[in-house]
Amino acid sequence: MTGYYDYVLGLIPAALIGVTAFLNLIGLSLTAALPGGALAAGIIMAHAVFVKAPVTDEARVRNDRAAGRSADRSRAGRSGVGRSRTGGAD
């Protein structure tokens, strides 16, 4: 069964080679076309990593809970407003 990340792994070299070849065919030199292909492949990789991150829902909930606990601890430690942790004035 093929999933999203299987398609991404196939699209990375296809975008690099395909966009580079297309730009080369329309008249750009290979040296000028290659960054265009690399940009297309990079956009696909960035989407796979940052937009549709490979994190399960369970791990995402666990991280959200940990972030909430950290924020609660941070708020609880603010009793000495205007003073640094060493005891001096800010």
Protein backbone atom coordinates (compact mmCIF):
# COMPACT_ATOMS: atom_id res chain seq x y z
CA MET A 1 0.00 0.00 0.00
CA THR A 2 1.48 3.30 -1.03
CA GLY A 3 1.06 6.30 1.20
CA TYR A 4 1.82 9.99 1.07
CA TYR A 5 5.50 9.59 1.94
CA ASP A 6 5.99 6.95 -0.75
CA TYR A 7 4.75 9.45 -3.31
CA VAL A 8 7.00 12.13 -1.82
CA LEU A 9 10.03 9.88 -2.18
CA GLY A 10 9.17 9.37 -5.83
CA LEU A 11 8.41 13.02 -6.49
CA ILE A 12 11.70 14.37 -5.15
CA PRO A 13 13.91 13.01 -7.97
CA ALA A 14 11.09 13.43 -10.50
CA ALA A 15 10.79 17.12 -9.65
CA LEU A 16 14.55 17.62 -9.66
CA ILE A 17 15.05 15.92 -13.01
CA GLY A 18 11.74 16.94 -14.60
CA VAL A 19 11.84 20.64 -13.78
CA THR A 20 15.52 20.83 -14.68
CA ALA A 21 14.88 19.12 -18.02
CA PHE A 22 11.86 21.33 -18.75
CA LEU A 23 13.77 24.52 -17.99
CA ASN A 24 16.68 23.26 -20.08
CA LEU A 25 14.35 22.50 -23.00
CA ILE A 26 12.84 25.97 -22.99
CA GLY A 27 16.25 27.53 -23.37
CA LEU A 28 17.95 27.90 -19.98
CA SER A 29 21.41 26.47 -19.61
CA LEU A 30 21.77 23.42 -17.40
CA THR A 31 23.62 25.51 -14.84
CA ALA A 32 20.69 27.95 -14.65
CA ALA A 33 17.98 25.25 -14.79
CA LEU A 34 19.37 23.07 -12.00
CA PRO A 35 18.55 25.51 -9.15
CA GLY A 36 14.95 25.59 -10.42
CA GLY A 37 14.71 21.82 -10.19
CA ALA A 38 16.34 21.85 -6.77
CA LEU A 39 13.87 24.47 -5.60
CA ALA A 40 10.93 22.33 -6.74
CA ALA A 41 12.36 19.26 -4.97
CA GLY A 42 13.03 21.34 -1.86
CA ILE A 43 9.44 22.58 -1.78
CA ILE A 44 8.19 18.99 -1.91
CA MET A 45 10.52 18.00 0.94
CA ALA A 46 9.54 21.03 3.03
CA HIS A 47 5.87 20.21 2.59
CA ALA A 48 6.47 16.62 3.66
CA VAL A 49 8.45 17.61 6.76
CA PHE A 50 6.81 20.82 7.97
CA VAL A 51 3.26 20.97 6.59
CA LYS A 52 2.30 17.31 6.74
CA ALA A 53 4.70 16.22 9.46
CA PRO A 54 5.25 12.49 9.96
CA VAL A 55 3.99 12.51 13.56
CA THR A 56 1.28 10.23 14.85
CA ASP A 57 -1.68 11.75 16.64
CA GLU A 58 -0.59 10.08 19.88
CA ALA A 59 2.84 11.73 19.75
CA ARG A 60 1.27 15.09 18.90
CA VAL A 61 -1.05 14.87 21.95
CA ARG A 62 1.89 13.87 24.15
CA ASN A 63 3.90 16.90 22.96
CA ASP A 64 0.94 19.23 23.50
CA ARG A 65 0.53 17.97 27.07
CA ALA A 66 4.24 18.42 27.77
CA ALA A 67 4.12 21.97 26.42
CA GLY A 68 1.12 22.71 28.64
CA ARG A 69 2.90 21.42 31.75
CA SER A 70 5.96 23.48 30.90
CA ALA A 71 3.85 26.62 30.52
CA ASP A 72 2.13 25.94 33.87
CA ARG A 73 5.49 25.58 35.62
CA SER A 74 6.69 28.79 34.01
CA ARG A 75 3.65 30.73 35.23
CA ALA A 76 3.98 29.30 38.76
CA GLY A 77 7.60 30.46 39.04
CA ARG A 78 6.79 34.15 38.48
CA SER A 79 6.11 35.16 42.06
CA GLY A 80 9.05 37.58 42.28
CA VAL A 81 7.99 40.06 39.62
CA GLY A 82 10.72 42.53 38.74
CA ARG A 83 13.50 40.44 40.28
CA SER A 84 15.95 38.17 38.57
CA ARG A 85 16.57 34.60 39.69
CA THR A 86 19.77 35.65 41.46
CA GLY A 87 17.86 38.05 43.70
CA GLY A 88 19.04 41.32 42.18
CA ALA A 89 16.86 43.93 40.57
CA ASP A 90 16.32 43.69 36.81
